């Protein structure tokens, strides 16, 4: 089976390296294409068996499963170039949330799926969000699911919740990193601890927290309960958080929902 990737920007290159290095896909079975050819050739320097396609039609013709990893406003142009090359035996996989599988099915005649990855897949961890179109066969579904289990925990998500799920899975690392940077800066301002030391402690705390959760030793609620001693420091800190957090996360989700709506309106396939 041949796998194709159109677009080797941040997500396309992440998928390429993660799928190959995890052993999910052999480099010799992977065909990549990028409008700026050098980006694809740079990936080939690390994995010599990768095939770099010369044009969109080549990667479309040769791929059994083809990932579309370009920005949403480029979808129309790319789809117009490849749609006549795609057959029902092939599966086109979008990685972006604003374009629904229904929209894609109306544009192309092949099978269609959407898989939203995360930067955490670099570490062969985190979640990938799956939505299947009506034409996807059981064998293709299973193949995609099994493949992404090498680099993530696959999870199906309905169209109505794709944006919220993407915020948590795909955008989440950026949002949490922002909050942790604020945490580190506040620690320095209030206590004088150095940024270097605060960063080191915070990063290792997060690694430990992730390990606790991944091994299912505690749930989030259990973690708070275990760490919080009645009348202790943690409890006072939690009280301060509750008093000052306000509508922070509600406003974040509102902002991403609004941008999602704008993006969908701006896409004309």
C-alpha atoms as a PDB file:
ATOM      1  CA  UNK A   1       0.000   0.000   0.000  1.00  0.00           C
ATOM      2  CA  UNK A   2       1.238   3.465  -0.922  1.00  0.00           C
ATOM      3  CA  UNK A   3       0.721   6.504   1.289  1.00  0.00           C
ATOM      4  CA  UNK A   4       0.857  10.073  -0.003  1.00  0.00           C
ATOM      5  CA  UNK A   5       1.233  13.408   1.747  1.00  0.00           C
ATOM      6  CA  UNK A   6       0.482  16.712   0.026  1.00  0.00           C
ATOM      7  CA  UNK A   7       2.073  19.578   1.942  1.00  0.00           C
ATOM      8  CA  UNK A   8       5.153  19.159   4.111  1.00  0.00           C
ATOM      9  CA  UNK A   9       4.751  22.142   6.421  1.00  0.00           C
ATOM     10  CA  UNK A  10       4.536  21.681  10.194  1.00  0.00           C
ATOM     11  CA  UNK A  11       1.837  18.995  10.214  1.00  0.00           C
ATOM     12  CA  UNK A  12       2.785  17.298   6.946  1.00  0.00           C
ATOM     13  CA  UNK A  13       6.411  16.940   7.982  1.00  0.00           C
ATOM     14  CA  UNK A  14       5.339  15.757  11.443  1.00  0.00           C
ATOM     15  CA  UNK A  15       3.166  13.042   9.901  1.00  0.00           C
ATOM     16  CA  UNK A  16       5.930  12.005   7.528  1.00  0.00           C
ATOM     17  CA  UNK A  17       8.591  11.607  10.210  1.00  0.00           C
ATOM     18  CA  UNK A  18       6.253  10.162  12.862  1.00  0.00           C
ATOM     19  CA  UNK A  19       4.732   7.513  10.601  1.00  0.00           C
ATOM     20  CA  UNK A  20       8.151   6.398   9.378  1.00  0.00           C
ATOM     21  CA  UNK A  21      10.091   6.539  12.667  1.00  0.00           C
ATOM     22  CA  UNK A  22       7.317   4.732  14.563  1.00  0.00           C
ATOM     23  CA  UNK A  23       7.372   1.892  12.054  1.00  0.00           C
ATOM     24  CA  UNK A  24       3.755   2.507  11.053  1.00  0.00           C
ATOM     25  CA  UNK A  25       4.650   3.124   7.401  1.00  0.00           C
ATOM     26  CA  UNK A  26       7.793   2.171   5.514  1.00  0.00           C
ATOM     27  CA  UNK A  27       9.606   5.135   3.952  1.00  0.00           C
ATOM     28  CA  UNK A  28       9.643   3.247   0.659  1.00  0.00           C
ATOM     29  CA  UNK A  29       5.819   3.247   0.679  1.00  0.00           C
ATOM     30  CA  UNK A  30       5.525   6.993   1.273  1.00  0.00           C
ATOM     31  CA  UNK A  31       5.243   9.641  -1.454  1.00  0.00           C
ATOM     32  CA  UNK A  32       5.425  13.307  -0.493  1.00  0.00           C
ATOM     33  CA  UNK A  33       4.839  16.542  -2.384  1.00  0.00           C
ATOM     34  CA  UNK A  34       5.246  20.180  -1.501  1.00  0.00           C
ATOM     35  CA  UNK A  35       4.740  23.283  -3.616  1.00  0.00           C
ATOM     36  CA  UNK A  36       8.189  24.440  -2.478  1.00  0.00           C
ATOM     37  CA  UNK A  37      10.078  21.292  -3.460  1.00  0.00           C
ATOM     38  CA  UNK A  38      13.041  21.910  -1.150  1.00  0.00           C
ATOM     39  CA  UNK A  39      10.904  21.279   1.956  1.00  0.00           C
ATOM     40  CA  UNK A  40      10.093  17.798   0.693  1.00  0.00           C
ATOM     41  CA  UNK A  41      13.684  17.181  -0.404  1.00  0.00           C
ATOM     42  CA  UNK A  42      14.905  18.123   3.074  1.00  0.00           C
ATOM     43  CA  UNK A  43      12.756  15.322   4.522  1.00  0.00           C
ATOM     44  CA  UNK A  44      14.184  12.947   1.955  1.00  0.00           C
ATOM     45  CA  UNK A  45      17.694  13.747   3.228  1.00  0.00           C
ATOM     46  CA  UNK A  46      16.757  12.106   6.541  1.00  0.00           C
ATOM     47  CA  UNK A  47      14.814   9.236   4.963  1.00  0.00           C
ATOM     48  CA  UNK A  48      16.426   8.392   1.628  1.00  0.00           C
ATOM     49  CA  UNK A  49      13.722   5.879   0.653  1.00  0.00           C
ATOM     50  CA  UNK A  50      11.009   8.550   0.608  1.00  0.00           C
ATOM     51  CA  UNK A  51       9.688   9.377  -2.863  1.00  0.00           C
ATOM     52  CA  UNK A  52       9.326  13.069  -3.680  1.00  0.00           C
ATOM     53  CA  UNK A  53       6.635  13.580  -6.332  1.00  0.00           C
ATOM     54  CA  UNK A  54       7.231  16.136  -9.055  1.00  0.00           C
ATOM     55  CA  UNK A  55       3.621  17.338  -9.120  1.00  0.00           C
ATOM     56  CA  UNK A  56       0.192  16.948  -7.508  1.00  0.00           C
ATOM     57  CA  UNK A  57      -1.154  14.542 -10.113  1.00  0.00           C
ATOM     58  CA  UNK A  58       1.733  12.148  -9.585  1.00  0.00           C
ATOM     59  CA  UNK A  59       1.199  11.840  -5.828  1.00  0.00           C
ATOM     60  CA  UNK A  60      -2.571  11.524  -6.355  1.00  0.00           C
ATOM     61  CA  UNK A  61      -2.230   8.733  -8.919  1.00  0.00           C
ATOM     62  CA  UNK A  62       0.280   6.701  -6.920  1.00  0.00           C
ATOM     63  CA  UNK A  63      -1.287   6.914  -3.431  1.00  0.00           C
ATOM     64  CA  UNK A  64      -3.824   4.480  -2.004  1.00  0.00           C
ATOM     65  CA  UNK A  65      -4.268   6.772   1.012  1.00  0.00           C
ATOM     66  CA  UNK A  66      -3.574  10.455   0.420  1.00  0.00           C
ATOM     67  CA  UNK A  67      -3.228  13.055   3.187  1.00  0.00           C
ATOM     68  CA  UNK A  68      -4.111  16.640   2.385  1.00  0.00           C
ATOM     69  CA  UNK A  69      -1.926  18.757   4.691  1.00  0.00           C
ATOM     70  CA  UNK A  70      -2.299  22.214   3.155  1.00  0.00           C
ATOM     71  CA  UNK A  71      -3.995  25.309   4.570  1.00  0.00           C
ATOM     72  CA  UNK A  72      -7.799  25.369   4.164  1.00  0.00           C
ATOM     73  CA  UNK A  73      -7.766  28.238   1.653  1.00  0.00           C
ATOM     74  CA  UNK A  74      -5.546  26.116  -0.631  1.00  0.00           C
ATOM     75  CA  UNK A  75      -7.947  23.151  -0.640  1.00  0.00           C
ATOM     76  CA  UNK A  76      -9.958  24.282  -3.646  1.00  0.00           C
ATOM     77  CA  UNK A  77      -6.908  24.729  -5.880  1.00  0.00           C
ATOM     78  CA  UNK A  78      -5.376  21.396  -4.878  1.00  0.00           C
ATOM     79  CA  UNK A  79      -8.638  19.454  -5.168  1.00  0.00           C
ATOM     80  CA  UNK A  80      -9.326  20.872  -8.619  1.00  0.00           C
ATOM     81  CA  UNK A  81      -5.951  19.564  -9.785  1.00  0.00           C
ATOM     82  CA  UNK A  82      -6.238  16.058  -8.330  1.00  0.00           C
ATOM     83  CA  UNK A  83      -9.955  15.203  -8.275  1.00  0.00           C
ATOM     84  CA  UNK A  84      -9.934  13.558 -11.710  1.00  0.00           C
ATOM     85  CA  UNK A  85      -7.036  11.328 -10.678  1.00  0.00           C
ATOM     86  CA  UNK A  86      -8.792   9.881  -7.629  1.00  0.00           C
ATOM     87  CA  UNK A  87     -10.834   6.662  -7.745  1.00  0.00           C
ATOM     88  CA  UNK A  88     -13.201   4.946  -5.330  1.00  0.00           C
ATOM     89  CA  UNK A  89     -10.415   2.564  -4.307  1.00  0.00           C
ATOM     90  CA  UNK A  90      -8.433   5.466  -2.865  1.00  0.00           C
ATOM     91  CA  UNK A  91      -8.999   7.422   0.335  1.00  0.00           C
ATOM     92  CA  UNK A  92      -8.397  11.156   0.708  1.00  0.00           C
ATOM     93  CA  UNK A  93      -7.657  12.211   4.293  1.00  0.00           C
ATOM     94  CA  UNK A  94      -8.006  15.845   5.369  1.00  0.00           C
ATOM     95  CA  UNK A  95      -6.251  17.031   8.539  1.00  0.00           C
ATOM     96  CA  UNK A  96      -8.111  20.313   9.012  1.00  0.00           C
ATOM     97  CA  UNK A  97     -11.275  20.920  11.043  1.00  0.00           C
ATOM     98  CA  UNK A  98     -13.072  23.619   8.959  1.00  0.00           C
ATOM     99  CA  UNK A  99     -13.519  21.273   5.988  1.00  0.00           C
ATOM    100  CA  UNK A 100     -16.082  18.573   6.730  1.00  0.00           C
ATOM    101  CA  UNK A 101     -16.001  15.090   5.246  1.00  0.00           C
ATOM    102  CA  UNK A 102     -19.366  15.860   3.657  1.00  0.00           C
ATOM    103  CA  UNK A 103     -17.865  18.882   1.880  1.00  0.00           C
ATOM    104  CA  UNK A 104     -15.044  16.727   0.554  1.00  0.00           C
ATOM    105  CA  UNK A 105     -17.365  13.924  -0.529  1.00  0.00           C
ATOM    106  CA  UNK A 106     -19.257  16.446  -2.646  1.00  0.00           C
ATOM    107  CA  UNK A 107     -15.994  17.428  -4.332  1.00  0.00           C
ATOM    108  CA  UNK A 108     -14.266  14.106  -5.000  1.00  0.00           C
ATOM    109  CA  UNK A 109     -15.406  10.606  -5.980  1.00  0.00           C
ATOM    110  CA  UNK A 110     -13.014   8.661  -3.738  1.00  0.00           C
ATOM    111  CA  UNK A 111     -13.370   7.619  -0.105  1.00  0.00           C
ATOM    112  CA  UNK A 112     -12.954  10.479   2.371  1.00  0.00           C
ATOM    113  CA  UNK A 113     -11.862  10.733   6.005  1.00  0.00           C
ATOM    114  CA  UNK A 114     -10.613  13.431   8.328  1.00  0.00           C
ATOM    115  CA  UNK A 115      -7.838  12.844  10.857  1.00  0.00           C
ATOM    116  CA  UNK A 116      -6.770  15.805  12.976  1.00  0.00           C
ATOM    117  CA  UNK A 117      -3.288  15.117  14.389  1.00  0.00           C
ATOM    118  CA  UNK A 118      -1.367  16.819  17.188  1.00  0.00           C
ATOM    119  CA  UNK A 119       2.218  17.939  17.640  1.00  0.00           C
ATOM    120  CA  UNK A 120       2.327  15.397  20.494  1.00  0.00           C
ATOM    121  CA  UNK A 121       2.291  12.688  17.818  1.00  0.00           C
ATOM    122  CA  UNK A 122       5.975  13.570  17.319  1.00  0.00           C
ATOM    123  CA  UNK A 123       6.504  11.679  20.580  1.00  0.00           C
ATOM    124  CA  UNK A 124       4.152   8.891  19.420  1.00  0.00           C
ATOM    125  CA  UNK A 125       1.686  10.082  22.035  1.00  0.00           C
ATOM    126  CA  UNK A 126      -1.442  12.199  22.355  1.00  0.00           C
ATOM    127  CA  UNK A 127      -4.687  11.884  20.412  1.00  0.00           C
ATOM    128  CA  UNK A 128      -5.687  11.884  16.747  1.00  0.00           C
ATOM    129  CA  UNK A 129      -9.310  12.756  15.893  1.00  0.00           C
ATOM    130  CA  UNK A 130     -11.135  10.572  13.350  1.00  0.00           C
ATOM    131  CA  UNK A 131     -14.232  11.328  11.268  1.00  0.00           C
ATOM    132  CA  UNK A 132     -15.127   8.927   8.457  1.00  0.00           C
ATOM    133  CA  UNK A 133     -17.115   9.699   5.338  1.00  0.00           C
ATOM    134  CA  UNK A 134     -20.000   7.549   4.127  1.00  0.00           C
ATOM    135  CA  UNK A 135     -17.965   5.809   1.410  1.00  0.00           C
ATOM    136  CA  UNK A 136     -15.057   4.611   3.553  1.00  0.00           C
ATOM    137  CA  UNK A 137     -14.791   0.813   3.586  1.00  0.00           C
ATOM    138  CA  UNK A 138     -14.311  -1.183   6.746  1.00  0.00           C
ATOM    139  CA  UNK A 139     -10.832  -2.302   5.690  1.00  0.00           C
ATOM    140  CA  UNK A 140      -9.661   1.285   5.070  1.00  0.00           C
ATOM    141  CA  UNK A 141     -11.101   2.408   8.420  1.00  0.00           C
ATOM    142  CA  UNK A 142      -9.254  -0.366  10.207  1.00  0.00           C
ATOM    143  CA  UNK A 143      -6.034   0.315   8.317  1.00  0.00           C
ATOM    144  CA  UNK A 144      -6.083   4.022   9.214  1.00  0.00           C
ATOM    145  CA  UNK A 145      -6.957   3.284  12.840  1.00  0.00           C
ATOM    146  CA  UNK A 146      -4.243   0.659  13.219  1.00  0.00           C
ATOM    147  CA  UNK A 147      -1.669   2.904  11.587  1.00  0.00           C
ATOM    148  CA  UNK A 148      -2.363   5.885  13.827  1.00  0.00           C
ATOM    149  CA  UNK A 149      -2.229   3.707  16.918  1.00  0.00           C
ATOM    150  CA  UNK A 150       1.533   3.681  16.347  1.00  0.00           C
ATOM    151  CA  UNK A 151       1.737   7.433  16.997  1.00  0.00           C
ATOM    152  CA  UNK A 152      -1.382   8.328  18.995  1.00  0.00           C
ATOM    153  CA  UNK A 153      -4.591   7.258  20.660  1.00  0.00           C
ATOM    154  CA  UNK A 154      -7.202   7.470  17.853  1.00  0.00           C
ATOM    155  CA  UNK A 155     -10.612   8.823  18.843  1.00  0.00           C
ATOM    156  CA  UNK A 156     -13.745   9.257  16.745  1.00  0.00           C
ATOM    157  CA  UNK A 157     -15.421  12.667  16.923  1.00  0.00           C
ATOM    158  CA  UNK A 158     -18.677  13.919  15.431  1.00  0.00           C
ATOM    159  CA  UNK A 159     -18.773  16.995  13.209  1.00  0.00           C
ATOM    160  CA  UNK A 160     -20.537  19.192  15.790  1.00  0.00           C
ATOM    161  CA  UNK A 161     -17.678  18.797  18.251  1.00  0.00           C
ATOM    162  CA  UNK A 162     -14.672  18.803  15.933  1.00  0.00           C
ATOM    163  CA  UNK A 163     -13.612  22.346  16.855  1.00  0.00           C
ATOM    164  CA  UNK A 164     -13.777  21.846  20.620  1.00  0.00           C
ATOM    165  CA  UNK A 165     -11.979  18.509  20.294  1.00  0.00           C
ATOM    166  CA  UNK A 166      -9.297  20.087  18.093  1.00  0.00           C
ATOM    167  CA  UNK A 167      -8.819  22.843  20.681  1.00  0.00           C
ATOM    168  CA  UNK A 168      -8.081  20.221  23.313  1.00  0.00           C
ATOM    169  CA  UNK A 169      -6.008  17.845  21.189  1.00  0.00           C
ATOM    170  CA  UNK A 170      -4.306  19.885  18.480  1.00  0.00           C
ATOM    171  CA  UNK A 171      -4.257  23.461  19.838  1.00  0.00           C
ATOM    172  CA  UNK A 172      -4.084  22.305  23.458  1.00  0.00           C
ATOM    173  CA  UNK A 173      -0.277  21.993  23.631  1.00  0.00           C
ATOM    174  CA  UNK A 174       0.067  25.664  22.602  1.00  0.00           C
ATOM    175  CA  UNK A 175      -2.622  26.803  25.056  1.00  0.00           C
ATOM    176  CA  UNK A 176      -1.140  24.837  27.952  1.00  0.00           C
ATOM    177  CA  UNK A 177       2.374  26.029  27.061  1.00  0.00           C
ATOM    178  CA  UNK A 178       1.141  29.633  27.206  1.00  0.00           C
ATOM    179  CA  UNK A 179      -0.353  29.085  30.665  1.00  0.00           C
ATOM    180  CA  UNK A 180       2.830  27.418  31.896  1.00  0.00           C
ATOM    181  CA  UNK A 181       4.942  30.336  30.639  1.00  0.00           C
ATOM    182  CA  UNK A 182       2.681  32.683  32.629  1.00  0.00           C
ATOM    183  CA  UNK A 183       3.087  30.367  35.646  1.00  0.00           C
ATOM    184  CA  UNK A 184       6.888  30.489  35.324  1.00  0.00           C
ATOM    185  CA  UNK A 185       6.990  34.266  34.962  1.00  0.00           C
ATOM    186  CA  UNK A 186       4.683  34.736  37.964  1.00  0.00           C
ATOM    187  CA  UNK A 187       6.876  32.474  40.087  1.00  0.00           C
ATOM    188  CA  UNK A 188       9.857  34.676  39.299  1.00  0.00           C
ATOM    189  CA  UNK A 189       8.005  37.938  39.941  1.00  0.00           C
ATOM    190  CA  UNK A 190       6.604  36.846  43.306  1.00  0.00           C
ATOM    191  CA  UNK A 191       9.427  34.710  44.693  1.00  0.00           C
ATOM    192  CA  UNK A 192      12.571  35.610  42.755  1.00  0.00           C
ATOM    193  CA  UNK A 193      13.209  32.058  41.516  1.00  0.00           C
ATOM    194  CA  UNK A 194      15.175  32.084  38.246  1.00  0.00           C
ATOM    195  CA  UNK A 195      13.368  31.468  34.967  1.00  0.00           C
ATOM    196  CA  UNK A 196      15.775  28.635  34.153  1.00  0.00           C
ATOM    197  CA  UNK A 197      15.104  26.786  37.405  1.00  0.00           C
ATOM    198  CA  UNK A 198      11.342  27.429  37.294  1.00  0.00           C
ATOM    199  CA  UNK A 199      11.231  26.130  33.716  1.00  0.00           C
ATOM    200  CA  UNK A 200      13.204  23.006  34.622  1.00  0.00           C
ATOM    201  CA  UNK A 201      10.920  22.241  37.566  1.00  0.00           C
ATOM    202  CA  UNK A 202       7.743  22.904  35.590  1.00  0.00           C
ATOM    203  CA  UNK A 203       8.736  20.797  32.587  1.00  0.00           C
ATOM    204  CA  UNK A 204       9.644  17.834  34.778  1.00  0.00           C
ATOM    205  CA  UNK A 205       6.457  18.228  36.817  1.00  0.00           C
ATOM    206  CA  UNK A 206       4.476  18.047  33.547  1.00  0.00           C
ATOM    207  CA  UNK A 207       6.364  14.931  32.475  1.00  0.00           C
ATOM    208  CA  UNK A 208       5.562  13.313  35.809  1.00  0.00           C
ATOM    209  CA  UNK A 209       1.925  14.384  35.618  1.00  0.00           C
ATOM    210  CA  UNK A 210       1.629  12.917  32.131  1.00  0.00           C
ATOM    211  CA  UNK A 211       3.151   9.671  33.333  1.00  0.00           C
ATOM    212  CA  UNK A 212       0.675   9.432  36.222  1.00  0.00           C
ATOM    213  CA  UNK A 213      -2.228   9.927  33.826  1.00  0.00           C
ATOM    214  CA  UNK A 214      -0.903   7.618  31.121  1.00  0.00           C
ATOM    215  CA  UNK A 215      -0.442   4.818  33.636  1.00  0.00           C
ATOM    216  CA  UNK A 216      -3.946   5.531  34.993  1.00  0.00           C
ATOM    217  CA  UNK A 217      -2.617   5.776  38.534  1.00  0.00           C
ATOM    218  CA  UNK A 218      -4.903   8.740  39.275  1.00  0.00           C
ATOM    219  CA  UNK A 219      -7.641  10.682  37.509  1.00  0.00           C
ATOM    220  CA  UNK A 220      -7.491  14.500  37.463  1.00  0.00           C
ATOM    221  CA  UNK A 221      -9.968  14.713  40.335  1.00  0.00           C
ATOM    222  CA  UNK A 222      -8.035  12.119  42.335  1.00  0.00           C
ATOM    223  CA  UNK A 223      -4.791  14.012  41.762  1.00  0.00           C
ATOM    224  CA  UNK A 224      -6.233  17.198  43.229  1.00  0.00           C
ATOM    225  CA  UNK A 225      -7.622  15.278  46.185  1.00  0.00           C
ATOM    226  CA  UNK A 226      -4.337  13.449  46.864  1.00  0.00           C
ATOM    227  CA  UNK A 227      -2.199  16.604  46.711  1.00  0.00           C
ATOM    228  CA  UNK A 228      -4.584  18.848  48.634  1.00  0.00           C
ATOM    229  CA  UNK A 229      -4.123  18.552  52.397  1.00  0.00           C
ATOM    230  CA  UNK A 230      -6.873  20.130  54.478  1.00  0.00           C
ATOM    231  CA  UNK A 231      -5.723  23.568  55.616  1.00  0.00           C
ATOM    232  CA  UNK A 232      -2.499  23.236  53.594  1.00  0.00           C
ATOM    233  CA  UNK A 233      -0.705  25.297  50.962  1.00  0.00           C
ATOM    234  CA  UNK A 234      -2.227  23.543  47.939  1.00  0.00           C
ATOM    235  CA  UNK A 235      -5.729  24.318  49.135  1.00  0.00           C
ATOM    236  CA  UNK A 236      -4.900  28.005  49.477  1.00  0.00           C
ATOM    237  CA  UNK A 237      -3.443  28.022  45.995  1.00  0.00           C
ATOM    238  CA  UNK A 238      -6.561  26.367  44.570  1.00  0.00           C
ATOM    239  CA  UNK A 239      -8.743  28.950  46.293  1.00  0.00           C
ATOM    240  CA  UNK A 240      -6.735  31.717  44.629  1.00  0.00           C
ATOM    241  CA  UNK A 241      -7.102  30.044  41.227  1.00  0.00           C
ATOM    242  CA  UNK A 242     -10.853  29.666  41.682  1.00  0.00           C
ATOM    243  CA  UNK A 243     -11.163  33.306  42.705  1.00  0.00           C
ATOM    244  CA  UNK A 244      -9.236  34.691  39.743  1.00  0.00           C
ATOM    245  CA  UNK A 245      -9.763  32.336  36.806  1.00  0.00           C
ATOM    246  CA  UNK A 246     -13.072  33.960  35.852  1.00  0.00           C
ATOM    247  CA  UNK A 247     -14.267  33.097  32.339  1.00  0.00           C
ATOM    248  CA  UNK A 248     -10.785  32.518  30.922  1.00  0.00           C
ATOM    249  CA  UNK A 249     -11.468  29.195  29.258  1.00  0.00           C
ATOM    250  CA  UNK A 250     -15.025  30.041  28.222  1.00  0.00           C
ATOM    251  CA  UNK A 251     -13.646  33.039  26.332  1.00  0.00           C
ATOM    252  CA  UNK A 252     -10.949  30.891  24.733  1.00  0.00           C
ATOM    253  CA  UNK A 253     -13.478  28.360  23.433  1.00  0.00           C
ATOM    254  CA  UNK A 254     -15.757  31.160  22.222  1.00  0.00           C
ATOM    255  CA  UNK A 255     -12.869  32.702  20.280  1.00  0.00           C
ATOM    256  CA  UNK A 256     -11.916  29.433  18.592  1.00  0.00           C
ATOM    257  CA  UNK A 257     -15.545  28.623  17.784  1.00  0.00           C
ATOM    258  CA  UNK A 258     -15.959  32.036  16.147  1.00  0.00           C
ATOM    259  CA  UNK A 259     -12.769  31.612  14.114  1.00  0.00           C
ATOM    260  CA  UNK A 260     -13.929  28.158  13.054  1.00  0.00           C
ATOM    261  CA  UNK A 261     -17.188  29.625  11.744  1.00  0.00           C
ATOM    262  CA  UNK A 262     -15.281  32.339   9.872  1.00  0.00           C
ATOM    263  CA  UNK A 263     -12.953  29.775   8.315  1.00  0.00           C
ATOM    264  CA  UNK A 264     -15.847  27.587   7.148  1.00  0.00           C
ATOM    265  CA  UNK A 265     -17.554  30.580   5.520  1.00  0.00           C
ATOM    266  CA  UNK A 266     -14.302  31.556   3.793  1.00  0.00           C
ATOM    267  CA  UNK A 267     -13.721  28.115   2.222  1.00  0.00           C
ATOM    268  CA  UNK A 268     -15.221  27.579  -1.211  1.00  0.00           C
ATOM    269  CA  UNK A 269     -14.510  24.102  -2.520  1.00  0.00           C
END
